[in-house]
Amino acid sequence: MQQHQFQHHTQAAERPHLAQVRLEADMLRGAVLAAAVRGTVRGVRALTSRVRQKAA
C-alpha cells in the first residue's frame, strides 16, 4: 500500500513537468514549421524573380 501511494505521488508530481515538455515540443515544432514556410516562400519568390527577369 505504501509503495502504491509513493508511485501515485511521483506520477502526480511529474505531470506538470510532462505538460511543460509537451508545450516546449509544440513550440519547437511550430518554430520549425514557421522556418520551413519562410524558406519555401523565399525560394518561390526567388524563382519567380528569375522567371520574370528571363521573360523581360
PDB file of N, CA and C in Angstrom:
ATOM      1  N   MET A   1       0.831  -1.194   0.000  1.00  0.00           N
ATOM      2  CA  MET A   1       0.000   0.000   0.000  1.00  0.00           C
ATOM      3  C   MET A   1       0.879   1.263   0.000  1.00  0.00           C
ATOM      4  N   GLN A   2       1.899   1.245   0.833  1.00  0.00           N
ATOM      5  CA  GLN A   2       2.802   2.397   0.934  1.00  0.00           C
ATOM      6  C   GLN A   2       3.501   2.666  -0.403  1.00  0.00           C
ATOM      7  N   GLN A   3       3.953   1.625  -1.058  1.00  0.00           N
ATOM      8  CA  GLN A   3       4.648   1.772  -2.333  1.00  0.00           C
ATOM      9  C   GLN A   3       3.699   2.332  -3.398  1.00  0.00           C
ATOM     10  N   HIS A   4       2.456   1.890  -3.381  1.00  0.00           N
ATOM     11  CA  HIS A   4       1.468   2.361  -4.353  1.00  0.00           C
ATOM     12  C   HIS A   4       1.233   3.869  -4.194  1.00  0.00           C
ATOM     13  N   GLN A   5       1.122   4.335  -2.935  1.00  0.00           N
ATOM     14  CA  GLN A   5       0.923   5.764  -2.686  1.00  0.00           C
ATOM     15  C   GLN A   5       2.121   6.577  -3.183  1.00  0.00           C
ATOM     16  N   PHE A   6       3.300   6.073  -2.955  1.00  0.00           N
ATOM     17  CA  PHE A   6       4.506   6.764  -3.404  1.00  0.00           C
ATOM     18  C   PHE A   6       4.528   6.866  -4.931  1.00  0.00           C
ATOM     19  N   GLN A   7       4.171   5.766  -5.581  1.00  0.00           N
ATOM     20  CA  GLN A   7       4.158   5.747  -7.045  1.00  0.00           C
ATOM     21  C   GLN A   7       3.135   6.755  -7.572  1.00  0.00           C
ATOM     22  N   HIS A   8       1.964   6.795  -6.952  1.00  0.00           N
ATOM     23  CA  HIS A   8       0.918   7.729  -7.376  1.00  0.00           C
ATOM     24  C   HIS A   8       1.391   9.176  -7.183  1.00  0.00           C
ATOM     25  N   HIS A   9       2.031   9.438  -6.043  1.00  0.00           N
ATOM     26  CA  HIS A   9       2.536  10.780  -5.757  1.00  0.00           C
ATOM     27  C   HIS A   9       3.593  11.189  -6.793  1.00  0.00           C
ATOM     28  N   THR A  10       4.456  10.261  -7.148  1.00  0.00           N
ATOM     29  CA  THR A  10       5.514  10.541  -8.124  1.00  0.00           C
ATOM     30  C   THR A  10       4.908  10.867  -9.488  1.00  0.00           C
ATOM     31  N   GLN A  11       3.905  10.099  -9.906  1.00  0.00           N
ATOM     32  CA  GLN A  11       3.254  10.359 -11.195  1.00  0.00           C
ATOM     33  C   GLN A  11       2.582  11.728 -11.188  1.00  0.00           C
ATOM     34  N   ALA A  12       1.924  12.070 -10.088  1.00  0.00           N
ATOM     35  CA  ALA A  12       1.263  13.373  -9.990  1.00  0.00           C
ATOM     36  C   ALA A  12       2.294  14.501 -10.041  1.00  0.00           C
ATOM     37  N   ALA A  13       3.434  14.292  -9.413  1.00  0.00           N
ATOM     38  CA  ALA A  13       4.483  15.311  -9.405  1.00  0.00           C
ATOM     39  C   ALA A  13       5.097  15.486 -10.791  1.00  0.00           C
ATOM     40  N   GLU A  14       5.121  14.439 -11.591  1.00  0.00           N
ATOM     41  CA  GLU A  14       5.725  14.507 -12.923  1.00  0.00           C
ATOM     42  C   GLU A  14       4.781  15.108 -13.959  1.00  0.00           C
ATOM     43  N   ARG A  15       3.492  15.155 -13.684  1.00  0.00           N
ATOM     44  CA  ARG A  15       2.541  15.657 -14.683  1.00  0.00           C
ATOM     45  C   ARG A  15       2.816  17.087 -15.134  1.00  0.00           C
ATOM     46  N   PRO A  16       3.037  18.037 -14.210  1.00  0.00           N
ATOM     47  CA  PRO A  16       3.341  19.401 -14.680  1.00  0.00           C
ATOM     48  C   PRO A  16       4.608  19.446 -15.535  1.00  0.00           C
ATOM     49  N   HIS A  17       5.605  18.658 -15.147  1.00  0.00           N
ATOM     50  CA  HIS A  17       6.845  18.600 -15.928  1.00  0.00           C
ATOM     51  C   HIS A  17       6.551  18.064 -17.327  1.00  0.00           C
ATOM     52  N   LEU A  18       5.722  17.035 -17.401  1.00  0.00           N
ATOM     53  CA  LEU A  18       5.349  16.447 -18.688  1.00  0.00           C
ATOM     54  C   LEU A  18       4.609  17.474 -19.541  1.00  0.00           C
ATOM     55  N   ALA A  19       3.720  18.233 -18.918  1.00  0.00           N
ATOM     56  CA  ALA A  19       2.984  19.277 -19.640  1.00  0.00           C
ATOM     57  C   ALA A  19       3.955  20.331 -20.171  1.00  0.00           C
ATOM     58  N   GLN A  20       4.949  20.683 -19.379  1.00  0.00           N
ATOM     59  CA  GLN A  20       5.950  21.673 -19.803  1.00  0.00           C
ATOM     60  C   GLN A  20       6.757  21.148 -20.987  1.00  0.00           C
ATOM     61  N   VAL A  21       7.148  19.885 -20.915  1.00  0.00           N
ATOM     62  CA  VAL A  21       7.916  19.275 -22.006  1.00  0.00           C
ATOM     63  C   VAL A  21       7.079  19.242 -23.281  1.00  0.00           C
ATOM     64  N   ARG A  22       5.805  18.891 -23.141  1.00  0.00           N
ATOM     65  CA  ARG A  22       4.924  18.866 -24.320  1.00  0.00           C
ATOM     66  C   ARG A  22       4.753  20.259 -24.911  1.00  0.00           C
ATOM     67  N   LEU A  23       4.602  21.258 -24.043  1.00  0.00           N
ATOM     68  CA  LEU A  23       4.461  22.638 -24.507  1.00  0.00           C
ATOM     69  C   LEU A  23       5.710  23.082 -25.263  1.00  0.00           C
ATOM     70  N   GLU A  24       6.879  22.778 -24.697  1.00  0.00           N
ATOM     71  CA  GLU A  24       8.130  23.146 -25.360  1.00  0.00           C
ATOM     72  C   GLU A  24       8.287  22.422 -26.688  1.00  0.00           C
ATOM     73  N   ALA A  25       7.872  21.160 -26.748  1.00  0.00           N
ATOM     74  CA  ALA A  25       7.943  20.404 -28.001  1.00  0.00           C
ATOM     75  C   ALA A  25       7.015  21.018 -29.044  1.00  0.00           C
ATOM     76  N   ASP A  26       5.809  21.423 -28.618  1.00  0.00           N
ATOM     77  CA  ASP A  26       4.871  22.067 -29.542  1.00  0.00           C
ATOM     78  C   ASP A  26       5.423  23.392 -30.053  1.00  0.00           C
ATOM     79  N   MET A  27       6.041  24.164 -29.158  1.00  0.00           N
ATOM     80  CA  MET A  27       6.617  25.445 -29.565  1.00  0.00           C
ATOM     81  C   MET A  27       7.760  25.237 -30.553  1.00  0.00           C
ATOM     82  N   LEU A  28       8.586  24.239 -30.286  1.00  0.00           N
ATOM     83  CA  LEU A  28       9.703  23.937 -31.183  1.00  0.00           C
ATOM     84  C   LEU A  28       9.179  23.496 -32.548  1.00  0.00           C
ATOM     85  N   ARG A  29       8.151  22.643 -32.529  1.00  0.00           N
ATOM     86  CA  ARG A  29       7.546  22.178 -33.775  1.00  0.00           C
ATOM     87  C   ARG A  29       6.997  23.364 -34.569  1.00  0.00           C
ATOM     88  N   GLY A  30       6.351  24.295 -33.875  1.00  0.00           N
ATOM     89  CA  GLY A  30       5.818  25.489 -34.527  1.00  0.00           C
ATOM     90  C   GLY A  30       6.923  26.347 -35.123  1.00  0.00           C
ATOM     91  N   ALA A  31       8.018  26.482 -34.389  1.00  0.00           N
ATOM     92  CA  ALA A  31       9.142  27.282 -34.883  1.00  0.00           C
ATOM     93  C   ALA A  31       9.769  26.645 -36.118  1.00  0.00           C
ATOM     94  N   VAL A  32       9.906  25.332 -36.103  1.00  0.00           N
ATOM     95  CA  VAL A  32      10.472  24.618 -37.253  1.00  0.00           C
ATOM     96  C   VAL A  32       9.549  24.753 -38.457  1.00  0.00           C
ATOM     97  N   LEU A  33       8.252  24.615 -38.226  1.00  0.00           N
ATOM     98  CA  LEU A  33       7.276  24.754 -39.309  1.00  0.00           C
ATOM     99  C   LEU A  33       7.312  26.167 -39.888  1.00  0.00           C
ATOM    100  N   ALA A  34       7.379  27.172 -39.016  1.00  0.00           N
ATOM    101  CA  ALA A  34       7.434  28.562 -39.474  1.00  0.00           C
ATOM    102  C   ALA A  34       8.694  28.814 -40.300  1.00  0.00           C
ATOM    103  N   ALA A  35       9.820  28.274 -39.866  1.00  0.00           N
ATOM    104  CA  ALA A  35      11.071  28.438 -40.610  1.00  0.00           C
ATOM    105  C   ALA A  35      10.980  27.763 -41.975  1.00  0.00           C
ATOM    106  N   ALA A  36      10.349  26.599 -42.025  1.00  0.00           N
ATOM    107  CA  ALA A  36      10.186  25.892 -43.302  1.00  0.00           C
ATOM    108  C   ALA A  36       9.295  26.688 -44.248  1.00  0.00           C
ATOM    109  N   VAL A  37       8.224  27.254 -43.721  1.00  0.00           N
ATOM    110  CA  VAL A  37       7.320  28.063 -44.554  1.00  0.00           C
ATOM    111  C   VAL A  37       8.054  29.296 -45.072  1.00  0.00           C
ATOM    112  N   ARG A  38       8.808  29.972 -44.186  1.00  0.00           N
ATOM    113  CA  ARG A  38       9.570  31.156 -44.625  1.00  0.00           C
ATOM    114  C   ARG A  38      10.574  30.792 -45.712  1.00  0.00           C
ATOM    115  N   GLY A  39      11.255  29.680 -45.545  1.00  0.00           N
ATOM    116  CA  GLY A  39      12.225  29.235 -46.544  1.00  0.00           C
ATOM    117  C   GLY A  39      11.564  28.925 -47.875  1.00  0.00           C
ATOM    118  N   THR A  40      10.399  28.289 -47.811  1.00  0.00           N
ATOM    119  CA  THR A  40       9.663  27.958 -49.037  1.00  0.00           C
ATOM    120  C   THR A  40       9.206  29.224 -49.744  1.00  0.00           C
ATOM    121  N   VAL A  41       8.666  30.172 -48.981  1.00  0.00           N
ATOM    122  CA  VAL A  41       8.208  31.441 -49.569  1.00  0.00           C
ATOM    123  C   VAL A  41       9.382  32.180 -50.200  1.00  0.00           C
ATOM    124  N   ARG A  42      10.513  32.208 -49.508  1.00  0.00           N
ATOM    125  CA  ARG A  42      11.714  32.870 -50.035  1.00  0.00           C
ATOM    126  C   ARG A  42      12.151  32.208 -51.342  1.00  0.00           C
ATOM    127  N   GLY A  43      12.127  30.881 -51.370  1.00  0.00           N
ATOM    128  CA  GLY A  43      12.514  30.140 -52.574  1.00  0.00           C
ATOM    129  C   GLY A  43      11.585  30.407 -53.741  1.00  0.00           C
ATOM    130  N   VAL A  44      10.290  30.434 -53.466  1.00  0.00           N
ATOM    131  CA  VAL A  44       9.304  30.702 -54.527  1.00  0.00           C
ATOM    132  C   VAL A  44       9.480  32.120 -55.062  1.00  0.00           C
ATOM    133  N   ARG A  45       9.711  33.080 -54.166  1.00  0.00           N
ATOM    134  CA  ARG A  45       9.924  34.471 -54.608  1.00  0.00           C
ATOM    135  C   ARG A  45      11.173  34.597 -55.472  1.00  0.00           C
ATOM    136  N   ALA A  46      12.243  33.924 -55.080  1.00  0.00           N
ATOM    137  CA  ALA A  46      13.484  33.966 -55.855  1.00  0.00           C
ATOM    138  C   ALA A  46      13.268  33.346 -57.230  1.00  0.00           C
ATOM    139  N   LEU A  47      12.570  32.237 -57.266  1.00  0.00           N
ATOM    140  CA  LEU A  47      12.290  31.561 -58.535  1.00  0.00           C
ATOM    141  C   LEU A  47      11.412  32.437 -59.431  1.00  0.00           C
ATOM    142  N   THR A  48      10.396  33.051 -58.848  1.00  0.00           N
ATOM    143  CA  THR A  48       9.510  33.941 -59.600  1.00  0.00           C
ATOM    144  C   THR A  48      10.293  35.120 -60.162  1.00  0.00           C
ATOM    145  N   SER A  49      11.195  35.656 -59.365  1.00  0.00           N
ATOM    146  CA  SER A  49      12.016  36.783 -59.794  1.00  0.00           C
ATOM    147  C   SER A  49      12.887  36.391 -60.991  1.00  0.00           C
ATOM    148  N   ARG A  50      13.492  35.204 -60.921  1.00  0.00           N
ATOM    149  CA  ARG A  50      14.330  34.733 -62.034  1.00  0.00           C
ATOM    150  C   ARG A  50      13.511  34.522 -63.301  1.00  0.00           C
ATOM    151  N   VAL A  51      12.329  33.974 -63.156  1.00  0.00           N
ATOM    152  CA  VAL A  51      11.467  33.723 -64.320  1.00  0.00           C
ATOM    153  C   VAL A  51      11.063  35.048 -64.955  1.00  0.00           C
ATOM    154  N   ARG A  52      10.738  36.041 -64.113  1.00  0.00           N
ATOM    155  CA  ARG A  52      10.347  37.356 -64.644  1.00  0.00           C
ATOM    156  C   ARG A  52      11.511  38.033 -65.357  1.00  0.00           C
ATOM    157  N   GLN A  53      12.727  37.892 -64.814  1.00  0.00           N
ATOM    158  CA  GLN A  53      13.898  38.504 -65.441  1.00  0.00           C
ATOM    159  C   GLN A  53      14.179  37.869 -66.798  1.00  0.00           C
ATOM    160  N   LYS A  54      14.014  36.555 -66.892  1.00  0.00           N
ATOM    161  CA  LYS A  54      14.244  35.877 -68.174  1.00  0.00           C
ATOM    162  C   LYS A  54      13.179  36.251 -69.194  1.00  0.00           C
ATOM    163  N   ALA A  55      11.942  36.445 -68.717  1.00  0.00           N
ATOM    164  CA  ALA A  55      10.840  36.784 -69.617  1.00  0.00           C
ATOM    165  C   ALA A  55      10.966  38.222 -70.122  1.00  0.00           C
ATOM    166  N   ALA A  56      11.571  39.095 -69.352  1.00  0.00           N
ATOM    167  CA  ALA A  56      11.651  40.521 -69.723  1.00  0.00           C
ATOM    168  C   ALA A  56      12.744  40.789 -70.740  1.00  0.00           C
TER     169      ALA A  56
END
